[in-house]
C-alpha atoms as a PDB file:
ATOM      1  CA  UNK A   1     139.706 119.420  93.739  1.00  0.00           C
ATOM      2  CA  UNK A   2     142.916 121.439  93.828  1.00  0.00           C
ATOM      3  CA  UNK A   3     140.945 124.673  93.785  1.00  0.00           C
ATOM      4  CA  UNK A   4     138.797 123.387  96.679  1.00  0.00           C
ATOM      5  CA  UNK A   5     141.841 122.513  98.803  1.00  0.00           C
ATOM      6  CA  UNK A   6     143.493 125.837  98.027  1.00  0.00           C
ATOM      7  CA  UNK A   7     140.373 127.752  99.032  1.00  0.00           C
ATOM      8  CA  UNK A   8     140.017 125.961 102.359  1.00  0.00           C
ATOM      9  CA  UNK A   9     143.717 126.299 103.109  1.00  0.00           C
ATOM     10  CA  UNK A  10     143.475 130.048 102.603  1.00  0.00           C
ATOM     11  CA  UNK A  11     140.513 130.237 104.977  1.00  0.00           C
ATOM     12  CA  UNK A  12     142.135 128.083 107.664  1.00  0.00           C
ATOM     13  CA  UNK A  13     145.630 129.614 107.713  1.00  0.00           C
ATOM     14  CA  UNK A  14     144.577 133.009 109.157  1.00  0.00           C
ATOM     15  CA  UNK A  15     142.802 131.253 112.021  1.00  0.00           C
ATOM     16  CA  UNK A  16     145.849 129.083 112.725  1.00  0.00           C
ATOM     17  CA  UNK A  17     148.098 132.132 112.637  1.00  0.00           C
ATOM     18  CA  UNK A  18     145.788 133.990 115.019  1.00  0.00           C
ATOM     19  CA  UNK A  19     145.790 131.120 117.501  1.00  0.00           C
ATOM     20  CA  UNK A  20     149.573 130.862 117.344  1.00  0.00           C
ATOM     21  CA  UNK A  21     149.901 134.602 117.930  1.00  0.00           C
ATOM     22  CA  UNK A  22     147.595 134.488 120.935  1.00  0.00           C
ATOM     23  CA  UNK A  23     149.585 131.627 122.417  1.00  0.00           C
ATOM     24  CA  UNK A  24     153.046 133.100 121.976  1.00  0.00           C
ATOM     25  CA  UNK A  25     152.814 136.898 121.676  1.00  0.00           C
ATOM     26  CA  UNK A  26     153.212 137.549 125.398  1.00  0.00           C
ATOM     27  CA  UNK A  27     156.346 135.439 125.869  1.00  0.00           C
ATOM     28  CA  UNK A  28     158.979 138.070 126.632  1.00  0.00           C
ATOM     29  CA  UNK A  29     162.490 136.968 127.619  1.00  0.00           C
ATOM     30  CA  UNK A  30     163.933 138.698 130.693  1.00  0.00           C
ATOM     31  CA  UNK A  31     166.885 136.434 131.428  1.00  0.00           C
ATOM     32  CA  UNK A  32     168.318 132.992 132.131  1.00  0.00           C
ATOM     33  CA  UNK A  33     169.095 131.690 135.599  1.00  0.00           C
ATOM     34  CA  UNK A  34     169.494 128.819 138.007  1.00  0.00           C
ATOM     35  CA  UNK A  35     167.309 129.861 140.924  1.00  0.00           C
ATOM     36  CA  UNK A  36     163.851 131.088 141.961  1.00  0.00           C
ATOM     37  CA  UNK A  37     162.597 133.013 144.985  1.00  0.00           C
ATOM     38  CA  UNK A  38     159.140 133.858 146.333  1.00  0.00           C
ATOM     39  CA  UNK A  39     157.035 132.013 143.787  1.00  0.00           C
ATOM     40  CA  UNK A  40     153.259 132.362 143.970  1.00  0.00           C
ATOM     41  CA  UNK A  41     152.335 129.111 142.277  1.00  0.00           C
ATOM     42  CA  UNK A  42     153.972 125.842 141.185  1.00  0.00           C
ATOM     43  CA  UNK A  43     152.289 123.541 138.663  1.00  0.00           C
ATOM     44  CA  UNK A  44     154.011 120.134 138.298  1.00  0.00           C
ATOM     45  CA  UNK A  45     154.179 118.029 135.135  1.00  0.00           C
ATOM     46  CA  UNK A  46     153.537 120.900 132.721  1.00  0.00           C
ATOM     47  CA  UNK A  47     153.718 119.810 129.086  1.00  0.00           C
ATOM     48  CA  UNK A  48     155.580 122.768 127.592  1.00  0.00           C
ATOM     49  CA  UNK A  49     156.339 126.491 127.890  1.00  0.00           C
ATOM     50  CA  UNK A  50     153.080 127.543 126.231  1.00  0.00           C
ATOM     51  CA  UNK A  51     151.050 125.475 128.695  1.00  0.00           C
ATOM     52  CA  UNK A  52     152.979 127.097 131.544  1.00  0.00           C
ATOM     53  CA  UNK A  53     152.404 130.540 130.055  1.00  0.00           C
ATOM     54  CA  UNK A  54     148.653 129.967 129.737  1.00  0.00           C
ATOM     55  CA  UNK A  55     148.386 128.592 133.274  1.00  0.00           C
ATOM     56  CA  UNK A  56     150.207 131.560 134.803  1.00  0.00           C
ATOM     57  CA  UNK A  57     148.430 134.140 132.653  1.00  0.00           C
ATOM     58  CA  UNK A  58     145.061 132.955 133.959  1.00  0.00           C
ATOM     59  CA  UNK A  59     145.927 134.682 137.254  1.00  0.00           C
ATOM     60  CA  UNK A  60     145.962 138.482 136.650  1.00  0.00           C
ATOM     61  CA  UNK A  61     148.285 139.051 139.608  1.00  0.00           C
ATOM     62  CA  UNK A  62     151.076 137.004 138.001  1.00  0.00           C
ATOM     63  CA  UNK A  63     153.729 138.903 136.024  1.00  0.00           C
ATOM     64  CA  UNK A  64     156.428 136.279 135.278  1.00  0.00           C
ATOM     65  CA  UNK A  65     156.572 132.585 134.500  1.00  0.00           C
ATOM     66  CA  UNK A  66     159.241 129.912 134.077  1.00  0.00           C
ATOM     67  CA  UNK A  67     159.155 126.280 132.992  1.00  0.00           C
ATOM     68  CA  UNK A  68     161.865 124.446 134.919  1.00  0.00           C
ATOM     69  CA  UNK A  69     163.834 121.553 133.361  1.00  0.00           C
ATOM     70  CA  UNK A  70     161.908 119.122 135.606  1.00  0.00           C
ATOM     71  CA  UNK A  71     158.623 120.384 134.021  1.00  0.00           C
ATOM     72  CA  UNK A  72     157.531 122.384 137.068  1.00  0.00           C
ATOM     73  CA  UNK A  73     155.740 125.542 135.925  1.00  0.00           C
ATOM     74  CA  UNK A  74     156.540 128.502 138.173  1.00  0.00           C
ATOM     75  CA  UNK A  75     154.335 131.620 138.354  1.00  0.00           C
ATOM     76  CA  UNK A  76     155.681 134.662 140.183  1.00  0.00           C
ATOM     77  CA  UNK A  77     155.390 138.440 140.652  1.00  0.00           C
ATOM     78  CA  UNK A  78     159.025 139.562 140.817  1.00  0.00           C
ATOM     79  CA  UNK A  79     162.079 138.530 138.789  1.00  0.00           C
ATOM     80  CA  UNK A  80     164.829 136.691 140.680  1.00  0.00           C
ATOM     81  CA  UNK A  81     167.647 138.768 142.215  1.00  0.00           C
ATOM     82  CA  UNK A  82     170.788 139.366 140.092  1.00  0.00           C
ATOM     83  CA  UNK A  83     172.762 136.575 141.769  1.00  0.00           C
ATOM     84  CA  UNK A  84     170.449 134.029 140.112  1.00  0.00           C
ATOM     85  CA  UNK A  85     170.996 135.316 136.553  1.00  0.00           C
ATOM     86  CA  UNK A  86     173.213 133.292 134.208  1.00  0.00           C
ATOM     87  CA  UNK A  87     174.562 133.928 130.672  1.00  0.00           C
ATOM     88  CA  UNK A  88     172.185 133.145 127.826  1.00  0.00           C
ATOM     89  CA  UNK A  89     169.490 134.379 125.489  1.00  0.00           C
ATOM     90  CA  UNK A  90     165.925 133.586 124.352  1.00  0.00           C
ATOM     91  CA  UNK A  91     165.608 129.803 124.031  1.00  0.00           C
ATOM     92  CA  UNK A  92     169.365 129.593 124.625  1.00  0.00           C
ATOM     93  CA  UNK A  93     169.654 129.242 128.374  1.00  0.00           C
ATOM     94  CA  UNK A  94     172.009 126.235 128.236  1.00  0.00           C
ATOM     95  CA  UNK A  95     169.812 123.918 130.339  1.00  0.00           C
ATOM     96  CA  UNK A  96     169.168 126.694 132.847  1.00  0.00           C
ATOM     97  CA  UNK A  97     165.756 128.226 133.491  1.00  0.00           C
ATOM     98  CA  UNK A  98     164.402 130.966 131.244  1.00  0.00           C
ATOM     99  CA  UNK A  99     162.671 133.862 132.988  1.00  0.00           C
ATOM    100  CA  UNK A 100     159.718 135.241 131.022  1.00  0.00           C
ATOM    101  CA  UNK A 101     157.507 138.283 131.400  1.00  0.00           C
ATOM    102  CA  UNK A 102     153.814 138.004 130.527  1.00  0.00           C
ATOM    103  CA  UNK A 103     153.618 141.010 128.192  1.00  0.00           C
ATOM    104  CA  UNK A 104     152.378 141.828 124.717  1.00  0.00           C
ATOM    105  CA  UNK A 105     153.411 145.273 123.466  1.00  0.00           C
ATOM    106  CA  UNK A 106     157.210 145.034 123.844  1.00  0.00           C
ATOM    107  CA  UNK A 107     159.793 142.962 121.973  1.00  0.00           C
ATOM    108  CA  UNK A 108     163.189 141.889 123.260  1.00  0.00           C
ATOM    109  CA  UNK A 109     166.060 143.127 121.080  1.00  0.00           C
ATOM    110  CA  UNK A 110     169.410 142.125 122.604  1.00  0.00           C
ATOM    111  CA  UNK A 111     171.717 142.855 125.533  1.00  0.00           C
ATOM    112  CA  UNK A 112     174.370 145.557 125.750  1.00  0.00           C
ATOM    113  CA  UNK A 113     177.504 145.936 127.828  1.00  0.00           C
ATOM    114  CA  UNK A 114     176.747 149.551 128.736  1.00  0.00           C
ATOM    115  CA  UNK A 115     173.999 152.125 128.096  1.00  0.00           C
ATOM    116  CA  UNK A 116     174.117 155.198 125.832  1.00  0.00           C
ATOM    117  CA  UNK A 117     176.306 157.959 127.245  1.00  0.00           C
ATOM    118  CA  UNK A 118     174.700 160.735 129.244  1.00  0.00           C
ATOM    119  CA  UNK A 119     171.548 158.884 130.285  1.00  0.00           C
ATOM    120  CA  UNK A 120     170.540 158.397 133.909  1.00  0.00           C
ATOM    121  CA  UNK A 121     169.543 155.051 135.403  1.00  0.00           C
ATOM    122  CA  UNK A 122     166.587 155.058 137.775  1.00  0.00           C
ATOM    123  CA  UNK A 123     165.387 152.322 140.079  1.00  0.00           C
ATOM    124  CA  UNK A 124     162.290 150.464 138.911  1.00  0.00           C
ATOM    125  CA  UNK A 125     160.042 147.806 140.409  1.00  0.00           C
ATOM    126  CA  UNK A 126     160.961 145.042 137.962  1.00  0.00           C
ATOM    127  CA  UNK A 127     161.096 144.671 134.183  1.00  0.00           C
ATOM    128  CA  UNK A 128     157.399 145.336 133.585  1.00  0.00           C
ATOM    129  CA  UNK A 129     157.444 148.523 135.648  1.00  0.00           C
ATOM    130  CA  UNK A 130     160.431 149.753 133.649  1.00  0.00           C
ATOM    131  CA  UNK A 131     158.629 149.189 130.350  1.00  0.00           C
ATOM    132  CA  UNK A 132     155.010 150.001 131.132  1.00  0.00           C
ATOM    133  CA  UNK A 133     155.474 152.812 133.650  1.00  0.00           C
ATOM    134  CA  UNK A 134     158.887 154.418 133.265  1.00  0.00           C
ATOM    135  CA  UNK A 135     159.262 154.036 129.486  1.00  0.00           C
ATOM    136  CA  UNK A 136     155.710 153.811 128.182  1.00  0.00           C
ATOM    137  CA  UNK A 137     156.156 156.945 126.037  1.00  0.00           C
ATOM    138  CA  UNK A 138     159.613 155.930 124.788  1.00  0.00           C
ATOM    139  CA  UNK A 139     160.672 153.643 121.971  1.00  0.00           C
ATOM    140  CA  UNK A 140     163.336 151.764 123.949  1.00  0.00           C
ATOM    141  CA  UNK A 141     163.527 150.498 127.525  1.00  0.00           C
ATOM    142  CA  UNK A 142     166.842 149.291 128.956  1.00  0.00           C
ATOM    143  CA  UNK A 143     166.660 147.197 132.128  1.00  0.00           C
ATOM    144  CA  UNK A 144     169.564 145.949 134.239  1.00  0.00           C
ATOM    145  CA  UNK A 145     168.981 143.560 137.183  1.00  0.00           C
ATOM    146  CA  UNK A 146     169.444 145.433 140.451  1.00  0.00           C
ATOM    147  CA  UNK A 147     170.775 143.946 143.667  1.00  0.00           C
ATOM    148  CA  UNK A 148     167.817 145.075 145.752  1.00  0.00           C
ATOM    149  CA  UNK A 149     165.288 142.507 146.970  1.00  0.00           C
ATOM    150  CA  UNK A 150     162.906 141.550 145.477  1.00  0.00           C
ATOM    151  CA  UNK A 151     164.129 141.530 141.870  1.00  0.00           C
ATOM    152  CA  UNK A 152     164.084 145.192 140.947  1.00  0.00           C
ATOM    153  CA  UNK A 153     165.980 146.686 137.999  1.00  0.00           C
ATOM    154  CA  UNK A 154     167.768 149.830 136.911  1.00  0.00           C
ATOM    155  CA  UNK A 155     165.830 151.423 134.074  1.00  0.00           C
ATOM    156  CA  UNK A 156     166.772 153.736 131.189  1.00  0.00           C
ATOM    157  CA  UNK A 157     164.331 155.104 128.603  1.00  0.00           C
ATOM    158  CA  UNK A 158     165.666 156.163 125.221  1.00  0.00           C
ATOM    159  CA  UNK A 159     165.310 155.886 121.435  1.00  0.00           C
ATOM    160  CA  UNK A 160     166.566 153.171 119.109  1.00  0.00           C
ATOM    161  CA  UNK A 161     168.889 155.637 117.371  1.00  0.00           C
ATOM    162  CA  UNK A 162     170.907 155.990 120.580  1.00  0.00           C
ATOM    163  CA  UNK A 163     171.665 152.265 120.620  1.00  0.00           C
ATOM    164  CA  UNK A 164     173.882 152.630 117.558  1.00  0.00           C
ATOM    165  CA  UNK A 165     177.510 151.823 118.322  1.00  0.00           C
ATOM    166  CA  UNK A 166     176.844 150.103 121.650  1.00  0.00           C
ATOM    167  CA  UNK A 167     178.620 146.802 122.256  1.00  0.00           C
ATOM    168  CA  UNK A 168     176.281 143.802 122.041  1.00  0.00           C
ATOM    169  CA  UNK A 169     176.954 141.024 124.555  1.00  0.00           C
ATOM    170  CA  UNK A 170     175.463 137.814 125.916  1.00  0.00           C
ATOM    171  CA  UNK A 171     172.758 138.594 128.453  1.00  0.00           C
ATOM    172  CA  UNK A 172     173.745 138.209 132.104  1.00  0.00           C
ATOM    173  CA  UNK A 173     173.095 139.875 135.442  1.00  0.00           C
ATOM    174  CA  UNK A 174     175.319 142.924 134.794  1.00  0.00           C
ATOM    175  CA  UNK A 175     174.008 143.548 131.288  1.00  0.00           C
ATOM    176  CA  UNK A 176     171.438 145.930 129.867  1.00  0.00           C
ATOM    177  CA  UNK A 177     168.395 144.162 128.418  1.00  0.00           C
ATOM    178  CA  UNK A 178     166.951 146.192 125.527  1.00  0.00           C
ATOM    179  CA  UNK A 179     163.242 146.175 124.672  1.00  0.00           C
ATOM    180  CA  UNK A 180     161.392 148.004 121.927  1.00  0.00           C
ATOM    181  CA  UNK A 181     157.789 148.987 121.281  1.00  0.00           C
ATOM    182  CA  UNK A 182     155.817 151.606 119.419  1.00  0.00           C
ATOM    183  CA  UNK A 183     155.082 154.291 122.017  1.00  0.00           C
ATOM    184  CA  UNK A 184     151.569 155.636 122.357  1.00  0.00           C
ATOM    185  CA  UNK A 185     151.902 159.279 121.323  1.00  0.00           C
ATOM    186  CA  UNK A 186     148.176 159.964 120.994  1.00  0.00           C
ATOM    187  CA  UNK A 187     147.087 163.062 122.849  1.00  0.00           C
ATOM    188  CA  UNK A 188     144.706 162.307 125.702  1.00  0.00           C
ATOM    189  CA  UNK A 189     142.011 164.990 126.005  1.00  0.00           C
ATOM    190  CA  UNK A 190     140.856 165.466 129.578  1.00  0.00           C
ATOM    191  CA  UNK A 191     137.739 167.351 130.681  1.00  0.00           C
ATOM    192  CA  UNK A 192     139.899 170.383 131.495  1.00  0.00           C
ATOM    193  CA  UNK A 193     141.774 170.369 128.184  1.00  0.00           C
ATOM    194  CA  UNK A 194     138.714 169.751 125.974  1.00  0.00           C
ATOM    195  CA  UNK A 195     137.800 173.467 125.453  1.00  0.00           C
ATOM    196  CA  UNK A 196     141.380 174.207 124.377  1.00  0.00           C
ATOM    197  CA  UNK A 197     141.377 171.283 121.959  1.00  0.00           C
ATOM    198  CA  UNK A 198     138.078 172.463 120.422  1.00  0.00           C
ATOM    199  CA  UNK A 199     139.427 175.999 120.056  1.00  0.00           C
ATOM    200  CA  UNK A 200     142.568 174.717 118.343  1.00  0.00           C
ATOM    201  CA  UNK A 201     140.480 172.624 115.959  1.00  0.00           C
ATOM    202  CA  UNK A 202     138.218 175.588 115.127  1.00  0.00           C
ATOM    203  CA  UNK A 203     141.257 177.758 114.410  1.00  0.00           C
ATOM    204  CA  UNK A 204     142.541 175.105 112.017  1.00  0.00           C
ATOM    205  CA  UNK A 205     139.192 175.045 110.190  1.00  0.00           C
ATOM    206  CA  UNK A 206     139.093 178.849 109.910  1.00  0.00           C
ATOM    207  CA  UNK A 207     142.635 178.822 108.572  1.00  0.00           C
ATOM    208  CA  UNK A 208     141.691 176.314 105.888  1.00  0.00           C
ATOM    209  CA  UNK A 209     138.683 178.398 104.794  1.00  0.00           C
ATOM    210  CA  UNK A 210     140.721 181.598 104.393  1.00  0.00           C
ATOM    211  CA  UNK A 211     143.479 180.001 102.313  1.00  0.00           C
END
């Protein structure tokens, strides 16, 4: 009997873990706040944050979601402007709203008071644009809410090594939100570059044969 229960537990756990991952992997913290602007959809009486996430994710045009304290689920395309941001962290918004990005390949690390020295901030069309467009080939994306409507950010792309020694602080509207992912460094072979890639591969093979 014990062996039977153990066997079935081992077969069920991976499925449970997979379902949990699918339900929570895209929840990416981008700030705490007390206000919302230009929302695309409001769903009242939403049971919990995961239900809100799933409802907003069903619309491919939606980028952010928030479950308000009154259980209204808010789906929107741009983060709120900096004036709406309040101090806090993931699941620690002190009864304020938590702003979340629907995303899967990045992880939130922490907030910093200032960025690494010598790096230039560039304007970006929101948190997702900073990560997926500006910093897609980098390990680290730093985003700071920018006072330009709608909720754009300043963006810095860097490596994790350059975060060493920076002062960690509570996230707020003047802080740098740090995100990490494994950049895609695979070489993309286009039609034009294919002959060159084949030639390089043939040279490697010839080199191996002559050694």
